[in-house]
Amino acid sequence: MNMIENLFAISPYIALFITLALGYAVGKITIGRFVLGGVAGTLLMGVLIGQFGVQIDPGVKTIFFALFIYAVGYQGGPQFFSALNFKTINILLSAVVMTVTGLLCVLLAAKFFDLDSGTAAGLAAGGLTQSAIIGTAGDAISKLGGVTEEAKSLMQTNVAVGYAVTYIFGSLGPILMVSWLIPSIMKWDIREEALKLAAKLSDGKPELAPGQFNAITDLVSRAYQLDSHNKLIGKSIQQANQELIDIAIEMVNRDGKTIEADKSLALQVGDVIVITGRRDTIAAHTAAQGHEVTLPPQTTLIEENRQLIANNATLVGKTLAQIKAETNRDTARGVYITDVVRAGHSQIISADLVIQRDDVIQLTGSAIDINRVEKNIGKRLNSAFATDFVFFGIGMVAGLLIGLINFKIAGIPVTIGSGAGCLVSGLFMGWLRSRKPNTATLPLGASNFLRDFGLAVFVGIVGLQAGPQAIDTIKEHGLTLLFLGIGVTIIPQIISFFFSYYVLRIRNPIEALGCVSGGRSANPAFAALLEKAGNATPVFSFTVTYAIANVLLTLWGPIIVGIISAS
């Protein structure tokens, strides 16, 4: 044992990565429908491994949580701002119900179990996982009148004791509630519900899971052999394409060999032509082209998708039909508009769709033809795989600066915190990216890594830091405080959920679960919900309730001290 302790003392990050590996391995264990998940598994393994006395700089936990929450905000930014409406009021009320219920549970526990102000405040800080209560309650205790300094010191110690005993389940309880218990009671499949909500937010277009793709493509290529009666015989490629409306000849195979299909090439009997176009359009021309044939297995037709930002003044305000007519003028082959993305959402392609400035237009065709028309549309979209570190750095700095903001409510100091600050800056940067596509690029793979790894490190360090003190305190003070903490953790979530669902009518499962985790300011629970959802749909309800909960829960510290001391 001493050897392990010495190893962890020399390199505590070995303990951290062991915690991550074992935590996510344990999280994969399935018992019936119950799956613990990597977040909860990491928290538990952190507590166990933390018994070796692992010491990690608390700043590491802070910065990795900031990275996690920034990535979460970035991914949810476009949805968040588009979802702001009157429904937000009900979500705000959900957070108020959660936090007020938590306060009442603490006060009732203090009354019936004769807890002093310090222990009750620690119960609130750990059971409601709001560390700021430790500071605000401790400050309020130091200002109590008619109390000896020795009594104040004892109450301040009890704040830490109550926090240490109740914090672990305070973190684990919401994870189990939002990722297993509530969905099991309501018979919800979180991933399925998240996909439904994502489809609703994206105008009915389904969100694809990893490995999935849409097998029905908008653009298709089909091969036909020309017979002697075909009207295209003897015509050049350019002449033929001018007669073929909305489709184009992309390749010619003659005598089993592919030949260069330049605009002057004349078509002959027996030629196999490859026609490309949108699925609905090409079907209407099938009968006129002759009989369909199969090309040799090694035949290739290389085209590309290229995304351009609509910033050409002559283009903005025109319909897709007008743009198509202009860009395909005098072409040997076709260039097709296969997607239009506006503010992060794909639009339905139709001839009368009017292009707006900064729309992202995806062109499909040969590189030569796209090069020819590119200048008529706008600037090419930067690589989707390169991070814009300028804006990433600015976003993180802005978030950390916002986190330093502090103010007073009724004389009680409230600090925004780096987590809330980076969430705000991430939301803004994600929204900015949806509006200005060449700005603040953070590829999905990169943001997913920041989100998942930042979360894993944060939760792992929480467990490592909380473990030793919690176990020692439970041995010293018995299980009463632990069970009170379980009650303070669970009861407000149950009451708040059913009140929100049946009274406030927050019926969407993902939004309801987001309210539970946000109203508790429970970051690990939110992370577990994201893990189950597989997308950013919980961000909106969590963000709104998280902001309210952070302020109200911080205020509960001095309120608890004041009420219990006066009674």
Protein backbone atom coordinates (compact mmCIF):
# COMPACT_ATOMS: atom_id res chain seq x y z
CA MET A 1 0.00 0.00 0.00
CA ASN A 2 2.84 2.36 0.85
CA MET A 3 4.30 1.81 -2.60
CA ILE A 4 1.02 2.87 -4.25
CA GLU A 5 0.75 5.92 -1.98
CA ASN A 6 4.32 6.92 -2.84
CA LEU A 7 3.64 6.45 -6.55
CA PHE A 8 0.52 8.64 -6.38
CA ALA A 9 2.42 11.22 -4.33
CA ILE A 10 5.15 11.41 -6.98
CA SER A 11 2.72 11.46 -9.93
CA PRO A 12 -0.90 12.06 -8.88
CA TYR A 13 -2.01 12.12 -12.51
CA ILE A 14 -1.40 8.35 -12.67
CA ALA A 15 -4.18 8.05 -10.08
CA LEU A 16 -6.37 10.35 -12.17
CA PHE A 17 -6.05 8.27 -15.34
CA ILE A 18 -6.52 5.02 -13.43
CA THR A 19 -9.72 6.58 -12.06
CA LEU A 20 -10.90 7.45 -15.59
CA ALA A 21 -10.12 4.00 -16.99
CA LEU A 22 -11.71 2.06 -14.14
CA GLY A 23 -14.63 4.49 -13.85
CA TYR A 24 -15.68 4.15 -17.48
CA ALA A 25 -15.12 0.38 -17.34
CA VAL A 26 -17.41 0.11 -14.30
CA GLY A 27 -19.86 2.46 -16.02
CA LYS A 28 -20.38 -0.08 -18.81
CA ILE A 29 -21.74 -2.73 -16.44
CA THR A 30 -25.42 -3.36 -17.15
CA ILE A 31 -27.89 -4.79 -14.63
CA GLY A 32 -31.28 -5.19 -16.30
CA ARG A 33 -32.10 -1.76 -17.72
CA PHE A 34 -29.75 -0.02 -15.29
CA VAL A 35 -26.42 1.23 -16.65
CA LEU A 36 -24.33 3.26 -14.22
CA GLY A 37 -22.57 5.24 -16.96
CA GLY A 38 -19.02 6.55 -17.19
CA VAL A 39 -19.66 9.73 -15.20
CA ALA A 40 -21.09 8.01 -12.12
CA GLY A 41 -18.51 5.21 -12.42
CA THR A 42 -15.67 7.71 -12.46
CA LEU A 43 -17.05 9.52 -9.42
CA LEU A 44 -17.27 6.28 -7.43
CA MET A 45 -13.82 5.06 -8.47
CA GLY A 46 -12.42 8.49 -7.60
CA VAL A 47 -13.77 8.14 -4.06
CA LEU A 48 -12.17 4.69 -3.69
CA ILE A 49 -8.80 5.60 -5.19
CA GLY A 50 -8.89 8.86 -3.23
CA GLN A 51 -8.38 6.80 -0.04
CA PHE A 52 -4.68 6.75 -0.97
CA GLY A 53 -4.53 10.49 -0.31
CA VAL A 54 -4.11 11.71 -3.89
CA GLN A 55 -3.35 15.44 -4.09
CA ILE A 56 -4.11 17.24 -7.36
CA ASP A 57 -4.00 21.00 -7.84
CA PRO A 58 -7.65 22.24 -7.66
CA GLY A 59 -6.91 24.54 -10.59
CA VAL A 60 -6.76 21.48 -12.85
CA LYS A 61 -10.37 20.65 -11.98
CA THR A 62 -11.41 24.25 -12.65
CA ILE A 63 -9.84 24.52 -16.10
CA PHE A 64 -11.09 21.14 -17.31
CA PHE A 65 -14.60 21.95 -16.15
CA ALA A 66 -14.32 25.27 -18.00
CA LEU A 67 -13.32 23.41 -21.19
CA PHE A 68 -16.20 20.96 -20.75
CA ILE A 69 -18.84 23.61 -20.20
CA TYR A 70 -17.49 25.85 -23.00
CA ALA A 71 -17.79 22.94 -25.47
CA VAL A 72 -21.31 22.21 -24.22
CA GLY A 73 -22.30 25.84 -24.73
CA TYR A 74 -20.67 25.98 -28.16
CA GLN A 75 -22.61 22.95 -29.40
CA GLY A 76 -25.90 24.19 -27.99
CA GLY A 77 -25.56 27.88 -28.89
CA PRO A 78 -27.63 27.92 -32.11
CA GLN A 79 -30.44 25.87 -30.52
CA PHE A 80 -30.37 27.88 -27.31
CA PHE A 81 -31.00 31.28 -28.89
CA SER A 82 -33.55 29.94 -31.37
CA ALA A 83 -35.48 28.30 -28.51
CA LEU A 84 -35.82 31.43 -26.38
CA ASN A 85 -39.53 32.23 -26.08
CA PHE A 86 -42.33 32.52 -23.52
CA LYS A 87 -41.83 28.86 -22.62
CA THR A 88 -38.68 30.00 -20.82
CA ILE A 89 -40.83 31.36 -17.97
CA ASN A 90 -42.02 27.85 -17.05
CA ILE A 91 -38.45 26.60 -17.11
CA LEU A 92 -37.39 29.46 -14.81
CA LEU A 93 -40.20 28.57 -12.40
CA SER A 94 -39.01 24.96 -12.43
CA ALA A 95 -35.63 26.09 -11.08
CA VAL A 96 -37.32 28.17 -8.38
CA VAL A 97 -39.43 25.18 -7.26
CA MET A 98 -36.32 22.96 -7.10
CA THR A 99 -34.21 25.38 -5.06
CA VAL A 100 -36.99 26.44 -2.66
CA THR A 101 -37.91 22.79 -2.03
CA GLY A 102 -34.26 22.08 -1.28
CA LEU A 103 -34.18 24.94 1.25
CA LEU A 104 -37.34 23.66 2.98
CA CYS A 105 -35.92 20.12 3.21
CA VAL A 106 -32.78 21.43 4.92
CA LEU A 107 -34.77 23.55 7.38
CA LEU A 108 -37.08 20.62 8.26
CA ALA A 109 -34.08 18.31 8.75
CA ALA A 110 -32.47 20.90 11.05
CA LYS A 111 -35.71 21.25 13.07
CA PHE A 112 -36.46 17.55 13.59
CA PHE A 113 -32.85 16.39 14.09
CA ASP A 114 -31.69 19.44 16.06
CA LEU A 115 -28.91 20.48 13.69
CA ASP A 116 -26.93 23.63 14.39
CA SER A 117 -26.53 26.36 11.77
CA GLY A 118 -23.16 25.06 10.56
CA THR A 119 -24.21 21.44 10.13
CA ALA A 120 -27.43 22.47 8.37
CA ALA A 121 -25.53 24.75 6.01
CA GLY A 122 -23.06 21.93 5.28
CA LEU A 123 -26.01 19.62 4.63
CA ALA A 124 -27.33 22.15 2.10
CA ALA A 125 -23.92 22.63 0.47
CA GLY A 126 -23.32 18.89 0.02
CA GLY A 127 -26.86 17.62 -0.47
CA LEU A 128 -27.59 20.34 -3.05
CA THR A 129 -23.99 20.28 -4.39
CA GLN A 130 -23.53 24.03 -4.19
CA SER A 131 -20.06 24.64 -2.80
CA ALA A 132 -20.66 28.40 -2.67
CA ILE A 133 -22.95 27.81 0.33
CA ILE A 134 -19.85 26.94 2.37
CA GLY A 135 -18.50 30.43 1.82
CA THR A 136 -21.73 32.39 2.26
CA ALA A 137 -22.77 30.36 5.33
CA GLY A 138 -19.32 30.64 6.91
CA ASP A 139 -19.36 34.39 6.40
CA ALA A 140 -22.84 34.63 7.94
CA ILE A 141 -21.75 32.55 10.96
CA SER A 142 -18.78 34.83 11.57
CA LYS A 143 -21.17 37.79 11.81
CA LEU A 144 -23.62 36.21 14.28
CA GLY A 145 -24.23 38.33 17.37
CA GLY A 146 -24.39 36.95 20.91
CA VAL A 147 -22.38 33.82 19.99
CA THR A 148 -18.94 33.00 21.37
CA GLU A 149 -15.97 32.71 19.07
CA GLU A 150 -15.58 29.09 20.12
CA ALA A 151 -19.18 28.32 19.11
CA LYS A 152 -18.68 30.12 15.78
CA SER A 153 -15.54 28.08 15.11
CA LEU A 154 -17.39 24.84 15.89
CA MET A 155 -20.28 25.76 13.54
CA GLN A 156 -17.86 26.67 10.76
CA THR A 157 -16.15 23.29 11.21
CA ASN A 158 -19.55 21.62 11.04
CA VAL A 159 -20.21 23.29 7.71
CA ALA A 160 -17.24 21.38 6.27
CA VAL A 161 -18.29 18.19 8.07
CA GLY A 162 -21.84 18.29 6.72
CA TYR A 163 -20.55 19.08 3.24
CA ALA A 164 -18.03 16.23 3.24
CA VAL A 165 -20.55 13.62 4.40
CA THR A 166 -23.31 14.54 1.98
CA TYR A 167 -21.43 15.72 -1.11
CA ILE A 168 -20.74 12.34 -2.71
CA PHE A 169 -24.37 11.24 -2.85
CA GLY A 170 -25.29 14.86 -3.62
CA SER A 171 -23.32 14.38 -6.85
CA LEU A 172 -24.27 10.78 -7.51
CA GLY A 173 -28.00 11.09 -6.69
CA PRO A 174 -28.91 13.51 -9.52
CA ILE A 175 -26.94 11.34 -11.96
CA LEU A 176 -29.06 8.34 -11.06
CA MET A 177 -32.26 10.42 -11.12
CA VAL A 178 -31.88 11.90 -14.60
CA SER A 179 -30.14 9.00 -16.30
CA TRP A 180 -32.01 6.05 -14.80
CA LEU A 181 -34.72 6.48 -12.13
CA ILE A 182 -36.99 9.12 -13.69
CA PRO A 183 -36.67 7.69 -17.24
CA SER A 184 -37.47 4.22 -15.85
CA ILE A 185 -40.57 5.48 -14.00
CA MET A 186 -41.78 7.43 -17.04
CA LYS A 187 -40.69 4.67 -19.48
CA TRP A 188 -38.56 7.09 -21.49
CA ASP A 189 -35.70 6.15 -23.79
CA ILE A 190 -33.41 9.16 -23.40
CA ARG A 191 -31.54 8.66 -26.67
CA GLU A 192 -34.76 8.16 -28.64
CA GLU A 193 -36.33 11.25 -27.06
CA ALA A 194 -33.20 13.29 -27.73
CA LEU A 195 -33.31 12.30 -31.40
CA LYS A 196 -36.98 13.28 -31.60
CA LEU A 197 -36.28 16.68 -30.05
CA ALA A 198 -33.29 17.22 -32.33
CA ALA A 199 -35.47 16.40 -35.36
CA LYS A 200 -38.12 18.83 -34.14
CA LEU A 201 -35.56 21.60 -33.65
CA SER A 202 -34.13 20.94 -37.12
CA ASP A 203 -37.49 21.16 -38.88
CA GLY A 204 -38.10 17.43 -38.95
CA LYS A 205 -34.74 16.34 -40.31
CA PRO A 206 -33.51 13.38 -38.24
CA GLU A 207 -30.21 13.55 -36.38
CA LEU A 208 -27.94 10.71 -37.43
CA ALA A 209 -26.17 8.59 -34.83
CA PRO A 210 -22.49 7.62 -35.31
CA GLY A 211 -22.21 5.23 -38.25
CA GLN A 212 -25.61 6.15 -39.68
CA PHE A 213 -26.17 7.86 -43.04
CA ASN A 214 -29.06 8.69 -45.30
CA ALA A 215 -29.11 6.03 -48.00
CA ILE A 216 -31.54 8.07 -50.13
CA THR A 217 -29.30 10.72 -51.65
CA ASP A 218 -30.58 13.83 -53.37
CA LEU A 219 -28.15 13.43 -56.25
CA VAL A 220 -27.96 10.22 -58.32
CA SER A 221 -26.09 9.00 -61.41
CA ARG A 222 -27.52 6.50 -63.88
CA ALA A 223 -26.14 4.98 -67.07
CA TYR A 224 -28.02 4.59 -70.42
CA GLN A 225 -26.98 3.17 -73.76
CA LEU A 226 -27.93 5.28 -76.80
CA ASP A 227 -29.73 3.51 -79.65
CA SER A 228 -30.16 4.74 -83.22
CA HIS A 229 -33.51 6.39 -82.43
CA ASN A 230 -32.25 8.56 -79.60
CA LYS A 231 -32.54 12.28 -80.27
CA LEU A 232 -29.13 12.96 -78.72
CA ILE A 233 -27.21 11.04 -81.44
CA GLY A 234 -24.83 13.34 -83.34
CA LYS A 235 -25.10 16.18 -80.85
CA SER A 236 -22.21 17.52 -78.82
CA ILE A 237 -22.13 17.22 -75.03
CA GLN A 238 -22.83 20.93 -74.71
CA GLN A 239 -25.83 20.76 -77.07
CA ALA A 240 -27.19 17.67 -75.30
CA ASN A 241 -26.88 19.23 -71.86
CA GLN A 242 -28.73 22.33 -73.03
CA GLU A 243 -31.67 20.09 -73.99
CA LEU A 244 -31.58 18.07 -70.75
CA ILE A 245 -33.31 20.27 -68.19
CA ASP A 246 -31.85 20.09 -64.65
CA ILE A 247 -29.74 17.01 -65.44
CA ALA A 248 -26.41 16.65 -67.23
CA ILE A 249 -24.21 14.12 -69.02
CA GLU A 250 -21.15 13.68 -66.80
CA MET A 251 -19.40 10.76 -68.53
CA VAL A 252 -19.33 8.89 -71.84
CA ASN A 253 -18.26 5.25 -72.15
CA ARG A 254 -17.50 4.14 -75.74
CA ASP A 255 -16.50 0.62 -76.69
CA GLY A 256 -15.96 -0.26 -73.03
CA LYS A 257 -13.65 2.68 -72.37
CA THR A 258 -14.32 5.99 -70.66
CA ILE A 259 -13.48 8.89 -72.97
CA GLU A 260 -12.97 12.55 -72.16
CA ALA A 261 -16.40 14.15 -72.21
CA ASP A 262 -15.51 17.66 -73.31
CA LYS A 263 -18.24 19.99 -74.57
CA SER A 264 -17.49 19.36 -78.30
CA LEU A 265 -17.60 15.54 -78.15
CA ALA A 266 -20.34 14.19 -80.47
CA LEU A 267 -22.49 11.34 -79.18
CA GLN A 268 -22.70 8.11 -81.23
CA VAL A 269 -24.95 5.04 -81.38
CA GLY A 270 -23.90 2.54 -78.70
CA ASP A 271 -22.36 5.16 -76.40
CA VAL A 272 -23.12 4.67 -72.72
CA ILE A 273 -23.81 8.01 -71.12
CA VAL A 274 -23.81 8.65 -67.36
CA ILE A 275 -26.43 11.21 -66.41
CA THR A 276 -26.35 12.97 -63.03
CA GLY A 277 -29.14 14.99 -61.46
CA ARG A 278 -31.49 15.28 -58.55
CA ARG A 279 -33.42 12.06 -57.91
CA ASP A 280 -36.87 13.45 -58.74
CA THR A 281 -35.66 15.18 -61.90
CA ILE A 282 -33.69 12.32 -63.38
CA ALA A 283 -36.63 9.92 -62.97
CA ALA A 284 -38.73 12.11 -65.29
CA HIS A 285 -36.11 11.85 -68.07
CA THR A 286 -35.49 8.11 -67.86
CA ALA A 287 -37.82 7.05 -70.68
CA ALA A 288 -36.25 9.44 -73.18
CA GLN A 289 -32.67 8.24 -72.68
CA GLY A 290 -32.90 4.64 -73.88
CA HIS A 291 -32.41 1.51 -71.82
CA GLU A 292 -30.47 1.59 -68.55
CA VAL A 293 -27.24 -0.42 -68.37
CA THR A 294 -24.63 -1.41 -65.82
CA LEU A 295 -21.17 0.12 -66.05
CA PRO A 296 -17.99 -1.96 -65.59
CA PRO A 297 -17.08 -2.45 -61.89
CA GLN A 298 -13.96 -0.25 -62.02
CA THR A 299 -15.74 2.77 -63.49
CA THR A 300 -15.41 5.89 -61.34
CA LEU A 301 -17.03 9.31 -61.50
CA ILE A 302 -15.29 11.70 -59.12
CA GLU A 303 -17.19 14.73 -57.92
CA GLU A 304 -17.02 16.80 -54.76
CA ASN A 305 -19.14 18.70 -52.30
CA ARG A 306 -17.95 22.25 -51.73
CA GLN A 307 -19.49 24.70 -49.29
CA LEU A 308 -19.53 28.38 -50.17
CA ILE A 309 -20.66 31.35 -48.10
CA ALA A 310 -23.18 33.52 -49.96
CA ASN A 311 -21.67 37.00 -49.80
CA ASN A 312 -21.83 38.06 -53.44
CA ALA A 313 -24.07 41.13 -53.58
CA THR A 314 -25.51 40.07 -56.95
CA LEU A 315 -26.47 36.67 -55.51
CA VAL A 316 -28.15 37.62 -52.24
CA GLY A 317 -31.91 37.97 -52.61
CA LYS A 318 -32.18 35.69 -55.63
CA THR A 319 -33.97 32.35 -55.74
CA LEU A 320 -32.21 29.04 -56.25
CA ALA A 321 -33.80 28.78 -59.71
CA GLN A 322 -32.22 32.09 -60.72
CA ILE A 323 -28.86 31.08 -59.30
CA LYS A 324 -28.93 27.70 -61.03
CA ALA A 325 -29.76 29.26 -64.39
CA GLU A 326 -26.88 31.69 -64.08
CA THR A 327 -24.21 29.35 -62.73
CA ASN A 328 -24.93 26.51 -65.17
CA ARG A 329 -24.82 28.73 -68.22
CA ASP A 330 -22.56 27.38 -71.03
CA THR A 331 -21.42 24.37 -69.04
CA ALA A 332 -20.35 20.98 -70.32
CA ARG A 333 -21.50 19.31 -67.12
CA GLY A 334 -23.78 20.20 -64.24
CA VAL A 335 -23.25 21.87 -60.87
CA TYR A 336 -25.98 21.12 -58.34
CA ILE A 337 -27.07 22.87 -55.16
CA THR A 338 -27.44 20.00 -52.69
CA ASP A 339 -27.77 21.88 -49.40
CA VAL A 340 -28.39 25.36 -48.03
CA VAL A 341 -27.54 25.95 -44.36
CA ARG A 342 -28.93 29.02 -42.61
CA ALA A 343 -28.08 29.82 -38.98
CA GLY A 344 -26.93 26.25 -38.46
CA HIS A 345 -30.03 24.60 -39.97
CA SER A 346 -30.40 22.98 -43.40
CA GLN A 347 -33.18 24.48 -45.51
CA ILE A 348 -35.58 22.61 -47.76
CA ILE A 349 -34.23 22.84 -51.30
CA SER A 350 -36.81 24.35 -53.63
CA ALA A 351 -36.66 26.51 -56.73
CA ASP A 352 -38.17 29.52 -54.95
CA LEU A 353 -35.89 29.46 -51.88
CA VAL A 354 -34.41 32.95 -51.55
CA ILE A 355 -30.74 33.07 -50.60
CA GLN A 356 -29.76 35.36 -47.71
CA ARG A 357 -26.35 36.80 -46.88
CA ASP A 358 -24.05 34.32 -45.07
CA ASP A 359 -26.12 31.29 -46.08
CA VAL A 360 -23.84 28.30 -46.66
CA ILE A 361 -24.51 26.85 -50.13
CA GLN A 362 -23.23 23.36 -50.84
CA LEU A 363 -22.42 22.72 -54.49
CA THR A 364 -21.92 19.23 -55.90
CA GLY A 365 -20.19 18.56 -59.19
CA SER A 366 -16.77 18.15 -60.77
CA ALA A 367 -13.98 20.29 -59.33
CA ILE A 368 -13.49 22.02 -62.69
CA ASP A 369 -17.12 23.09 -62.95
CA ILE A 370 -17.35 24.19 -59.32
CA ASN A 371 -14.18 26.26 -59.76
CA ARG A 372 -15.86 28.01 -62.68
CA VAL A 373 -18.96 29.06 -60.74
CA GLU A 374 -17.43 29.55 -57.28
CA LYS A 375 -16.56 33.20 -57.84
CA ASN A 376 -20.21 33.98 -58.63
CA ILE A 377 -21.38 32.79 -55.20
CA GLY A 378 -18.92 33.71 -52.50
CA LYS A 379 -16.01 32.74 -50.32
CA ARG A 380 -15.22 29.10 -49.69
CA LEU A 381 -16.05 27.84 -46.21
CA ASN A 382 -12.96 27.11 -44.15
CA SER A 383 -12.10 23.50 -43.42
CA ALA A 384 -14.60 21.88 -41.08
CA PHE A 385 -11.70 20.01 -39.47
CA ALA A 386 -9.54 22.99 -38.41
CA THR A 387 -10.06 24.76 -35.07
CA ASP A 388 -10.04 28.55 -35.06
CA PHE A 389 -7.73 28.95 -32.07
CA VAL A 390 -7.98 32.73 -32.20
CA PHE A 391 -11.69 32.70 -31.36
CA PHE A 392 -11.31 29.65 -29.11
CA GLY A 393 -8.78 31.56 -27.01
CA ILE A 394 -10.95 34.68 -27.01
CA GLY A 395 -13.98 32.62 -25.97
CA MET A 396 -12.18 30.99 -23.05
CA VAL A 397 -10.73 34.31 -21.88
CA ALA A 398 -14.15 35.94 -22.09
CA GLY A 399 -15.72 33.07 -20.13
CA LEU A 400 -13.12 33.21 -17.36
CA LEU A 401 -13.46 37.00 -17.15
CA ILE A 402 -17.26 36.75 -16.91
CA GLY A 403 -16.73 34.21 -14.14
CA LEU A 404 -14.91 36.84 -12.08
CA ILE A 405 -17.95 39.11 -11.97
CA ASN A 406 -19.43 39.37 -8.48
CA PHE A 407 -22.30 41.35 -7.04
CA LYS A 408 -24.48 41.48 -3.97
CA ILE A 409 -28.12 40.58 -3.48
CA ALA A 410 -29.51 41.80 -0.15
CA GLY A 411 -25.92 42.20 1.03
CA ILE A 412 -24.99 38.62 0.10
CA PRO A 413 -22.02 38.32 -2.31
CA VAL A 414 -22.69 36.25 -5.43
CA THR A 415 -19.98 35.28 -7.93
CA ILE A 416 -20.79 34.15 -11.48
CA GLY A 417 -18.03 31.50 -11.47
CA SER A 418 -15.86 30.20 -14.31
CA GLY A 419 -18.34 27.44 -15.15
CA ALA A 420 -21.26 29.78 -15.78
CA GLY A 421 -18.96 32.29 -17.49
CA CYS A 422 -17.57 29.74 -19.96
CA LEU A 423 -21.07 28.41 -20.59
CA VAL A 424 -22.20 31.91 -21.59
CA SER A 425 -19.18 32.53 -23.83
CA GLY A 426 -19.55 29.07 -25.40
CA LEU A 427 -23.20 29.73 -26.18
CA PHE A 428 -22.29 33.02 -27.83
CA MET A 429 -19.43 31.54 -29.87
CA GLY A 430 -21.63 28.67 -31.06
CA TRP A 431 -24.31 31.14 -32.09
CA LEU A 432 -21.70 33.37 -33.80
CA ARG A 433 -20.42 30.39 -35.77
CA SER A 434 -23.96 29.64 -36.99
CA ARG A 435 -24.33 33.24 -38.18
CA LYS A 436 -20.80 33.77 -39.53
CA PRO A 437 -19.75 30.35 -40.84
CA ASN A 438 -16.06 31.24 -41.31
CA THR A 439 -15.74 32.50 -37.74
CA ALA A 440 -15.04 30.67 -34.46
CA THR A 441 -14.74 27.22 -36.04
CA LEU A 442 -14.57 24.37 -33.54
CA PRO A 443 -15.04 21.03 -35.36
CA LEU A 444 -17.53 18.57 -33.93
CA GLY A 445 -14.80 16.03 -33.19
CA ALA A 446 -12.74 18.62 -31.32
CA SER A 447 -15.68 19.96 -29.32
CA ASN A 448 -16.79 16.41 -28.46
CA PHE A 449 -13.30 15.64 -27.16
CA LEU A 450 -13.16 18.82 -25.06
CA ARG A 451 -16.61 18.06 -23.68
CA ASP A 452 -16.01 14.39 -22.85
CA PHE A 453 -12.41 14.62 -21.64
CA GLY A 454 -13.00 17.85 -19.71
CA LEU A 455 -15.94 16.23 -17.95
CA ALA A 456 -14.06 13.00 -17.19
CA VAL A 457 -11.14 14.85 -15.58
CA PHE A 458 -13.48 17.14 -13.60
CA VAL A 459 -15.56 14.28 -12.16
CA GLY A 460 -12.47 12.17 -11.48
CA ILE A 461 -10.81 14.92 -9.44
CA VAL A 462 -14.06 15.61 -7.55
CA GLY A 463 -14.09 11.98 -6.43
CA LEU A 464 -10.37 11.93 -5.56
CA GLN A 465 -10.69 15.07 -3.45
CA ALA A 466 -13.93 14.15 -1.68
CA GLY A 467 -13.14 10.51 -0.89
CA PRO A 468 -10.84 10.57 2.16
CA GLN A 469 -12.64 13.29 4.10
CA ALA A 470 -16.10 11.81 3.49
CA ILE A 471 -15.20 8.31 4.65
CA ASP A 472 -13.48 9.61 7.81
CA THR A 473 -16.40 11.88 8.63
CA ILE A 474 -18.98 9.11 8.19
CA LYS A 475 -16.99 6.96 10.64
CA GLU A 476 -16.90 9.82 13.13
CA HIS A 477 -20.47 11.09 12.92
CA GLY A 478 -22.44 7.99 12.01
CA LEU A 479 -24.96 7.55 9.21
CA THR A 480 -27.69 10.02 10.30
CA LEU A 481 -26.19 12.96 8.45
CA LEU A 482 -25.56 10.77 5.42
CA PHE A 483 -29.23 9.73 5.24
CA LEU A 484 -30.36 13.32 5.73
CA GLY A 485 -28.15 14.25 2.80
CA ILE A 486 -29.78 11.54 0.67
CA GLY A 487 -33.19 12.99 1.54
CA VAL A 488 -32.10 16.56 0.72
CA THR A 489 -30.71 15.31 -2.60
CA ILE A 490 -33.64 13.14 -3.71
CA ILE A 491 -36.82 14.78 -2.36
CA PRO A 492 -36.48 18.18 -4.14
CA GLN A 493 -35.80 16.44 -7.46
CA ILE A 494 -38.91 14.26 -7.19
CA ILE A 495 -41.16 17.17 -6.17
CA SER A 496 -39.70 19.52 -8.75
CA PHE A 497 -39.93 16.99 -11.58
CA PHE A 498 -43.58 16.10 -11.04
CA PHE A 499 -44.54 19.74 -10.40
CA SER A 500 -42.77 20.80 -13.60
CA TYR A 501 -44.26 17.95 -15.61
CA TYR A 502 -47.87 18.13 -14.46
CA VAL A 503 -48.31 21.77 -13.32
CA LEU A 504 -45.83 23.76 -15.40
CA ARG A 505 -46.45 21.31 -18.27
CA ILE A 506 -42.81 20.85 -19.25
CA ARG A 507 -43.69 17.62 -21.02
CA ASN A 508 -40.73 17.07 -23.31
CA PRO A 509 -38.61 14.38 -21.58
CA ILE A 510 -35.25 15.94 -22.46
CA GLU A 511 -36.31 19.42 -21.34
CA ALA A 512 -37.80 18.01 -18.13
CA LEU A 513 -34.62 16.11 -17.27
CA GLY A 514 -32.51 19.14 -18.17
CA CYS A 515 -34.56 21.17 -15.68
CA VAL A 516 -33.89 18.60 -12.96
CA SER A 517 -30.11 18.70 -13.45
CA GLY A 518 -29.96 22.46 -13.98
CA GLY A 519 -32.28 23.31 -11.10
CA ARG A 520 -29.92 21.39 -8.84
CA SER A 521 -26.86 23.06 -10.40
CA ALA A 522 -25.74 19.43 -10.81
CA ASN A 523 -22.97 19.48 -13.42
CA PRO A 524 -22.16 15.73 -13.22
CA ALA A 525 -25.87 14.92 -13.68
CA PHE A 526 -26.02 17.17 -16.73
CA ALA A 527 -22.93 15.44 -18.09
CA ALA A 528 -24.57 12.04 -17.58
CA LEU A 529 -27.71 13.29 -19.34
CA LEU A 530 -25.61 14.50 -22.28
CA GLU A 531 -23.91 11.11 -22.39
CA LYS A 532 -27.26 9.32 -22.59
CA ALA A 533 -28.78 11.82 -25.04
CA GLY A 534 -25.85 11.75 -27.43
CA ASN A 535 -26.53 15.31 -28.61
CA ALA A 536 -26.87 18.88 -27.30
CA THR A 537 -30.67 18.91 -26.86
CA PRO A 538 -30.56 19.17 -23.01
CA VAL A 539 -28.48 22.36 -23.15
CA PHE A 540 -31.34 24.85 -23.34
CA SER A 541 -33.35 23.81 -20.29
CA PHE A 542 -30.20 23.10 -18.27
CA THR A 543 -28.65 26.49 -19.04
CA VAL A 544 -31.73 28.49 -18.03
CA THR A 545 -32.31 26.58 -14.77
CA TYR A 546 -28.58 26.40 -13.98
CA ALA A 547 -28.28 30.18 -14.01
CA ILE A 548 -31.20 30.63 -11.58
CA ALA A 549 -30.08 27.78 -9.32
CA ASN A 550 -26.55 29.15 -9.02
CA VAL A 551 -27.85 32.44 -7.65
CA LEU A 552 -30.60 31.11 -5.38
CA LEU A 553 -28.60 28.23 -3.89
CA THR A 554 -25.76 30.61 -3.07
CA LEU A 555 -28.23 32.80 -1.17
CA TRP A 556 -29.48 29.87 0.92
CA GLY A 557 -26.29 29.79 3.04
CA PRO A 558 -26.91 32.95 5.10
CA ILE A 559 -30.68 32.37 5.04
CA ILE A 560 -30.24 28.94 6.66
CA VAL A 561 -27.83 30.36 9.25
CA GLY A 562 -30.16 33.26 10.02
CA ILE A 563 -33.36 31.19 10.37
CA ILE A 564 -31.82 28.42 12.52
CA SER A 565 -29.89 30.83 14.74
CA ALA A 566 -33.06 32.84 15.37
CA SER A 567 -35.13 29.78 16.30
